[in-house]
C-alpha cells in the first residue's frame, strides 16, 4: 500500500475503485469559472462586491 496514513487508501473492499475527480476541468467549466471571476472582479472594482460573508455572526 502506497500511503497507509490515508484512510481511504487503507480501505480494501473488493468493489472499491478510487479515481480522480476531473469533472470540474472541462473546457466549459473553466470558461464559466473565468467568467465568474472576471464578473466578481469587475463588481468589486465598481464598488459593488458580490458574495460577501457576514463576519458579525448574525
PDB file of N, CA and C in Angstrom:
ATOM      1  N   UNK A   1       0.855  -1.180   0.000  1.00  0.00           N
ATOM      2  CA  UNK A   1       0.000   0.000   0.000  1.00  0.00           C
ATOM      3  C   UNK A   1       0.898   1.238   0.000  1.00  0.00           C
ATOM      4  N   UNK A   2       0.575   2.215  -0.832  1.00  0.00           N
ATOM      5  CA  UNK A   2       1.465   3.368  -1.007  1.00  0.00           C
ATOM      6  C   UNK A   2       1.368   4.377   0.128  1.00  0.00           C
ATOM      7  N   UNK A   3       0.200   4.590   0.692  1.00  0.00           N
ATOM      8  CA  UNK A   3       0.012   5.673   1.655  1.00  0.00           C
ATOM      9  C   UNK A   3      -0.823   5.197   2.831  1.00  0.00           C
ATOM     10  N   UNK A   4      -0.250   4.444   3.743  1.00  0.00           N
ATOM     11  CA  UNK A   4      -1.063   3.884   4.828  1.00  0.00           C
ATOM     12  C   UNK A   4      -1.660   4.936   5.752  1.00  0.00           C
ATOM     13  N   UNK A   5      -1.194   6.190   5.698  1.00  0.00           N
ATOM     14  CA  UNK A   5      -1.767   7.213   6.561  1.00  0.00           C
ATOM     15  C   UNK A   5      -3.082   7.767   6.001  1.00  0.00           C
ATOM     16  N   UNK A   6      -3.449   7.395   4.779  1.00  0.00           N
ATOM     17  CA  UNK A   6      -4.678   7.871   4.160  1.00  0.00           C
ATOM     18  C   UNK A   6      -5.773   6.836   4.381  1.00  0.00           C
ATOM     19  N   UNK A   7      -6.808   7.229   5.139  1.00  0.00           N
ATOM     20  CA  UNK A   7      -7.874   6.290   5.497  1.00  0.00           C
ATOM     21  C   UNK A   7      -8.550   5.687   4.271  1.00  0.00           C
ATOM     22  N   UNK A   8      -8.810   6.492   3.230  1.00  0.00           N
ATOM     23  CA  UNK A   8      -9.454   5.949   2.031  1.00  0.00           C
ATOM     24  C   UNK A   8      -8.610   4.875   1.366  1.00  0.00           C
ATOM     25  N   UNK A   9      -7.302   5.067   1.383  1.00  0.00           N
ATOM     26  CA  UNK A   9      -6.435   4.077   0.759  1.00  0.00           C
ATOM     27  C   UNK A   9      -6.249   2.849   1.631  1.00  0.00           C
ATOM     28  N   UNK A  10      -6.569   2.952   2.905  1.00  0.00           N
ATOM     29  CA  UNK A  10      -6.492   1.790   3.790  1.00  0.00           C
ATOM     30  C   UNK A  10      -7.689   0.868   3.601  1.00  0.00           C
ATOM     31  N   UNK A  11      -8.793   1.390   3.090  1.00  0.00           N
ATOM     32  CA  UNK A  11      -9.969   0.558   2.834  1.00  0.00           C
ATOM     33  C   UNK A  11      -9.628  -0.443   1.744  1.00  0.00           C
ATOM     34  N   UNK A  12     -10.145  -1.648   1.878  1.00  0.00           N
ATOM     35  CA  UNK A  12      -9.805  -2.662   0.882  1.00  0.00           C
ATOM     36  C   UNK A  12     -10.999  -3.540   0.507  1.00  0.00           C
ATOM     37  N   UNK A  13     -12.208  -2.944   0.336  1.00  0.00           N
ATOM     38  CA  UNK A  13     -13.317  -3.791  -0.104  1.00  0.00           C
ATOM     39  C   UNK A  13     -13.102  -4.204  -1.565  1.00  0.00           C
ATOM     40  N   UNK A  14     -13.600  -5.363  -1.952  1.00  0.00           N
ATOM     41  CA  UNK A  14     -13.344  -5.860  -3.305  1.00  0.00           C
ATOM     42  C   UNK A  14     -13.987  -5.017  -4.412  1.00  0.00           C
ATOM     43  N   UNK A  15     -14.995  -4.212  -4.082  1.00  0.00           N
ATOM     44  CA  UNK A  15     -15.686  -3.440  -5.124  1.00  0.00           C
ATOM     45  C   UNK A  15     -15.399  -1.942  -5.047  1.00  0.00           C
ATOM     46  N   UNK A  16     -14.305  -1.537  -4.392  1.00  0.00           N
ATOM     47  CA  UNK A  16     -13.946  -0.128  -4.260  1.00  0.00           C
ATOM     48  C   UNK A  16     -12.892   0.245  -5.297  1.00  0.00           C
ATOM     49  N   UNK A  17     -13.208   1.271  -6.093  1.00  0.00           N
ATOM     50  CA  UNK A  17     -12.247   1.785  -7.063  1.00  0.00           C
ATOM     51  C   UNK A  17     -12.127   3.280  -6.818  1.00  0.00           C
ATOM     52  N   UNK A  18     -10.934   3.762  -6.522  1.00  0.00           N
ATOM     53  CA  UNK A  18     -10.700   5.185  -6.304  1.00  0.00           C
ATOM     54  C   UNK A  18     -10.203   5.802  -7.604  1.00  0.00           C
ATOM     55  N   UNK A  19     -10.857   6.875  -8.027  1.00  0.00           N
ATOM     56  CA  UNK A  19     -10.451   7.559  -9.251  1.00  0.00           C
ATOM     57  C   UNK A  19     -10.401   9.060  -8.991  1.00  0.00           C
ATOM     58  N   UNK A  20      -9.578   9.789  -9.733  1.00  0.00           N
ATOM     59  CA  UNK A  20      -9.546  11.244  -9.555  1.00  0.00           C
ATOM     60  C   UNK A  20     -10.821  11.879 -10.088  1.00  0.00           C
ATOM     61  N   UNK A  21     -11.227  12.983  -9.476  1.00  0.00           N
ATOM     62  CA  UNK A  21     -12.417  13.706  -9.925  1.00  0.00           C
ATOM     63  C   UNK A  21     -11.963  14.816 -10.863  1.00  0.00           C
ATOM     64  N   UNK A  22     -12.288  14.709 -12.133  1.00  0.00           N
ATOM     65  CA  UNK A  22     -11.831  15.674 -13.125  1.00  0.00           C
ATOM     66  C   UNK A  22     -12.982  16.412 -13.799  1.00  0.00           C
ATOM     67  N   UNK A  23     -14.200  16.243 -13.312  1.00  0.00           N
ATOM     68  CA  UNK A  23     -15.351  16.849 -13.984  1.00  0.00           C
ATOM     69  C   UNK A  23     -15.261  18.374 -14.017  1.00  0.00           C
ATOM     70  N   UNK A  24     -14.624  18.960 -13.030  1.00  0.00           N
ATOM     71  CA  UNK A  24     -14.532  20.421 -12.988  1.00  0.00           C
ATOM     72  C   UNK A  24     -13.591  20.955 -14.064  1.00  0.00           C
ATOM     73  N   UNK A  25     -12.766  20.126 -14.654  1.00  0.00           N
ATOM     74  CA  UNK A  25     -11.722  20.595 -15.557  1.00  0.00           C
ATOM     75  C   UNK A  25     -12.141  20.608 -17.025  1.00  0.00           C
ATOM     76  N   UNK A  26     -13.424  20.520 -17.308  1.00  0.00           N
ATOM     77  CA  UNK A  26     -13.859  20.598 -18.702  1.00  0.00           C
ATOM     78  C   UNK A  26     -13.660  22.019 -19.218  1.00  0.00           C
ATOM     79  N   UNK A  27     -13.590  22.167 -20.509  1.00  0.00           N
ATOM     80  CA  UNK A  27     -13.416  23.492 -21.109  1.00  0.00           C
ATOM     81  C   UNK A  27     -14.562  24.408 -20.682  1.00  0.00           C
ATOM     82  N   UNK A  28     -15.781  23.895 -20.722  1.00  0.00           N
ATOM     83  CA  UNK A  28     -16.942  24.709 -20.352  1.00  0.00           C
ATOM     84  C   UNK A  28     -16.863  25.140 -18.888  1.00  0.00           C
ATOM     85  N   UNK A  29     -16.464  24.245 -18.003  1.00  0.00           N
ATOM     86  CA  UNK A  29     -16.365  24.592 -16.584  1.00  0.00           C
ATOM     87  C   UNK A  29     -15.299  25.656 -16.345  1.00  0.00           C
ATOM     88  N   UNK A  30     -14.161  25.528 -17.006  1.00  0.00           N
ATOM     89  CA  UNK A  30     -13.097  26.518 -16.837  1.00  0.00           C
ATOM     90  C   UNK A  30     -13.503  27.871 -17.413  1.00  0.00           C
ATOM     91  N   UNK A  31     -14.239  27.866 -18.517  1.00  0.00           N
ATOM     92  CA  UNK A  31     -14.735  29.132 -19.079  1.00  0.00           C
ATOM     93  C   UNK A  31     -15.719  29.795 -18.123  1.00  0.00           C
ATOM     94  N   UNK A  32     -16.619  29.003 -17.553  1.00  0.00           N
ATOM     95  CA  UNK A  32     -17.595  29.535 -16.598  1.00  0.00           C
ATOM     96  C   UNK A  32     -16.886  30.105 -15.378  1.00  0.00           C
ATOM     97  N   UNK A  33     -15.887  29.389 -14.873  1.00  0.00           N
ATOM     98  CA  UNK A  33     -15.125  29.866 -13.728  1.00  0.00           C
ATOM     99  C   UNK A  33     -14.439  31.190 -14.045  1.00  0.00           C
ATOM    100  N   UNK A  34     -13.841  31.289 -15.225  1.00  0.00           N
ATOM    101  CA  UNK A  34     -13.167  32.531 -15.625  1.00  0.00           C
ATOM    102  C   UNK A  34     -14.170  33.678 -15.739  1.00  0.00           C
ATOM    103  N   UNK A  35     -15.340  33.412 -16.304  1.00  0.00           N
ATOM    104  CA  UNK A  35     -16.373  34.451 -16.435  1.00  0.00           C
ATOM    105  C   UNK A  35     -16.837  34.932 -15.067  1.00  0.00           C
ATOM    106  N   UNK A  36     -17.021  34.003 -14.135  1.00  0.00           N
ATOM    107  CA  UNK A  36     -17.438  34.380 -12.789  1.00  0.00           C
ATOM    108  C   UNK A  36     -16.354  35.194 -12.097  1.00  0.00           C
ATOM    109  N   UNK A  37     -15.117  34.799 -12.261  1.00  0.00           N
ATOM    110  CA  UNK A  37     -14.012  35.525 -11.654  1.00  0.00           C
ATOM    111  C   UNK A  37     -13.947  36.952 -12.191  1.00  0.00           C
ATOM    112  N   UNK A  38     -14.025  37.099 -13.491  1.00  0.00           N
ATOM    113  CA  UNK A  38     -13.979  38.432 -14.101  1.00  0.00           C
ATOM    114  C   UNK A  38     -15.166  39.272 -13.631  1.00  0.00           C
ATOM    115  N   UNK A  39     -16.356  38.691 -13.605  1.00  0.00           N
ATOM    116  CA  UNK A  39     -17.536  39.412 -13.145  1.00  0.00           C
ATOM    117  C   UNK A  39     -17.404  39.861 -11.700  1.00  0.00           C
ATOM    118  N   UNK A  40     -16.859  38.991 -10.856  1.00  0.00           N
ATOM    119  CA  UNK A  40     -16.665  39.351  -9.452  1.00  0.00           C
ATOM    120  C   UNK A  40     -15.648  40.471  -9.300  1.00  0.00           C
ATOM    121  N   UNK A  41     -14.561  40.407 -10.066  1.00  0.00           N
ATOM    122  CA  UNK A  41     -13.560  41.472 -10.003  1.00  0.00           C
ATOM    123  C   UNK A  41     -14.120  42.800 -10.507  1.00  0.00           C
ATOM    124  N   UNK A  42     -14.874  42.764 -11.597  1.00  0.00           N
ATOM    125  CA  UNK A  42     -15.473  43.986 -12.126  1.00  0.00           C
ATOM    126  C   UNK A  42     -16.458  44.590 -11.129  1.00  0.00           C
ATOM    127  N   UNK A  43     -17.250  43.746 -10.491  1.00  0.00           N
ATOM    128  CA  UNK A  43     -18.205  44.237  -9.491  1.00  0.00           C
ATOM    129  C   UNK A  43     -17.466  44.859  -8.308  1.00  0.00           C
ATOM    130  N   UNK A  44     -16.404  44.218  -7.867  1.00  0.00           N
ATOM    131  CA  UNK A  44     -15.619  44.753  -6.746  1.00  0.00           C
ATOM    132  C   UNK A  44     -15.027  46.109  -7.107  1.00  0.00           C
ATOM    133  N   UNK A  45     -14.457  46.209  -8.285  1.00  0.00           N
ATOM    134  CA  UNK A  45     -13.834  47.470  -8.716  1.00  0.00           C
ATOM    135  C   UNK A  45     -14.876  48.579  -8.887  1.00  0.00           C
ATOM    136  N   UNK A  46     -16.126  48.202  -9.159  1.00  0.00           N
ATOM    137  CA  UNK A  46     -17.200  49.180  -9.308  1.00  0.00           C
ATOM    138  C   UNK A  46     -17.837  49.533  -7.957  1.00  0.00           C
ATOM    139  N   UNK A  47     -17.279  48.965  -6.868  1.00  0.00           N
ATOM    140  CA  UNK A  47     -17.814  49.256  -5.539  1.00  0.00           C
ATOM    141  C   UNK A  47     -19.042  48.459  -5.186  1.00  0.00           C
ATOM    142  N   UNK A  48     -19.282  47.364  -5.896  1.00  0.00           N
ATOM    143  CA  UNK A  48     -20.442  46.510  -5.645  1.00  0.00           C
ATOM    144  C   UNK A  48     -20.004  45.054  -5.490  1.00  0.00           C
ATOM    145  N   UNK A  49     -19.215  44.758  -4.458  1.00  0.00           N
ATOM    146  CA  UNK A  49     -18.719  43.388  -4.298  1.00  0.00           C
ATOM    147  C   UNK A  49     -19.859  42.387  -4.112  1.00  0.00           C
ATOM    148  N   UNK A  50     -19.636  41.201  -4.603  1.00  0.00           N
ATOM    149  CA  UNK A  50     -20.634  40.123  -4.530  1.00  0.00           C
ATOM    150  C   UNK A  50     -20.207  39.078  -3.498  1.00  0.00           C
ATOM    151  N   UNK A  51     -21.172  38.295  -3.073  1.00  0.00           N
ATOM    152  CA  UNK A  51     -20.919  37.112  -2.235  1.00  0.00           C
ATOM    153  C   UNK A  51     -20.143  37.456  -0.969  1.00  0.00           C
ATOM    154  N   UNK A  52     -20.573  38.506  -0.299  1.00  0.00           N
ATOM    155  CA  UNK A  52     -19.912  38.905   0.941  1.00  0.00           C
ATOM    156  C   UNK A  52     -20.296  37.968   2.073  1.00  0.00           C
ATOM    157  N   UNK A  53     -19.370  37.761   2.977  1.00  0.00           N
ATOM    158  CA  UNK A  53     -19.605  36.911   4.141  1.00  0.00           C
ATOM    159  C   UNK A  53     -19.867  37.802   5.343  1.00  0.00           C
ATOM    160  N   UNK A  54     -20.970  37.531   6.032  1.00  0.00           N
ATOM    161  CA  UNK A  54     -21.306  38.301   7.229  1.00  0.00           C
ATOM    162  C   UNK A  54     -20.403  37.843   8.362  1.00  0.00           C
ATOM    163  N   UNK A  55     -19.448  38.661   8.743  1.00  0.00           N
ATOM    164  CA  UNK A  55     -18.494  38.283   9.776  1.00  0.00           C
ATOM    165  C   UNK A  55     -18.938  38.705  11.180  1.00  0.00           C
ATOM    166  N   UNK A  56     -20.155  39.216  11.296  1.00  0.00           N
ATOM    167  CA  UNK A  56     -20.655  39.624  12.611  1.00  0.00           C
ATOM    168  C   UNK A  56     -21.225  38.437  13.369  1.00  0.00           C
ATOM    169  N   UNK A  57     -21.455  37.332  12.683  1.00  0.00           N
ATOM    170  CA  UNK A  57     -22.015  36.150  13.339  1.00  0.00           C
ATOM    171  C   UNK A  57     -23.520  36.205  13.492  1.00  0.00           C
ATOM    172  N   UNK A  58     -24.158  37.142  12.826  1.00  0.00           N
ATOM    173  CA  UNK A  58     -25.616  37.266  12.969  1.00  0.00           C
ATOM    174  C   UNK A  58     -26.318  36.690  11.781  1.00  0.00           C
TER     175      UNK A  58
END
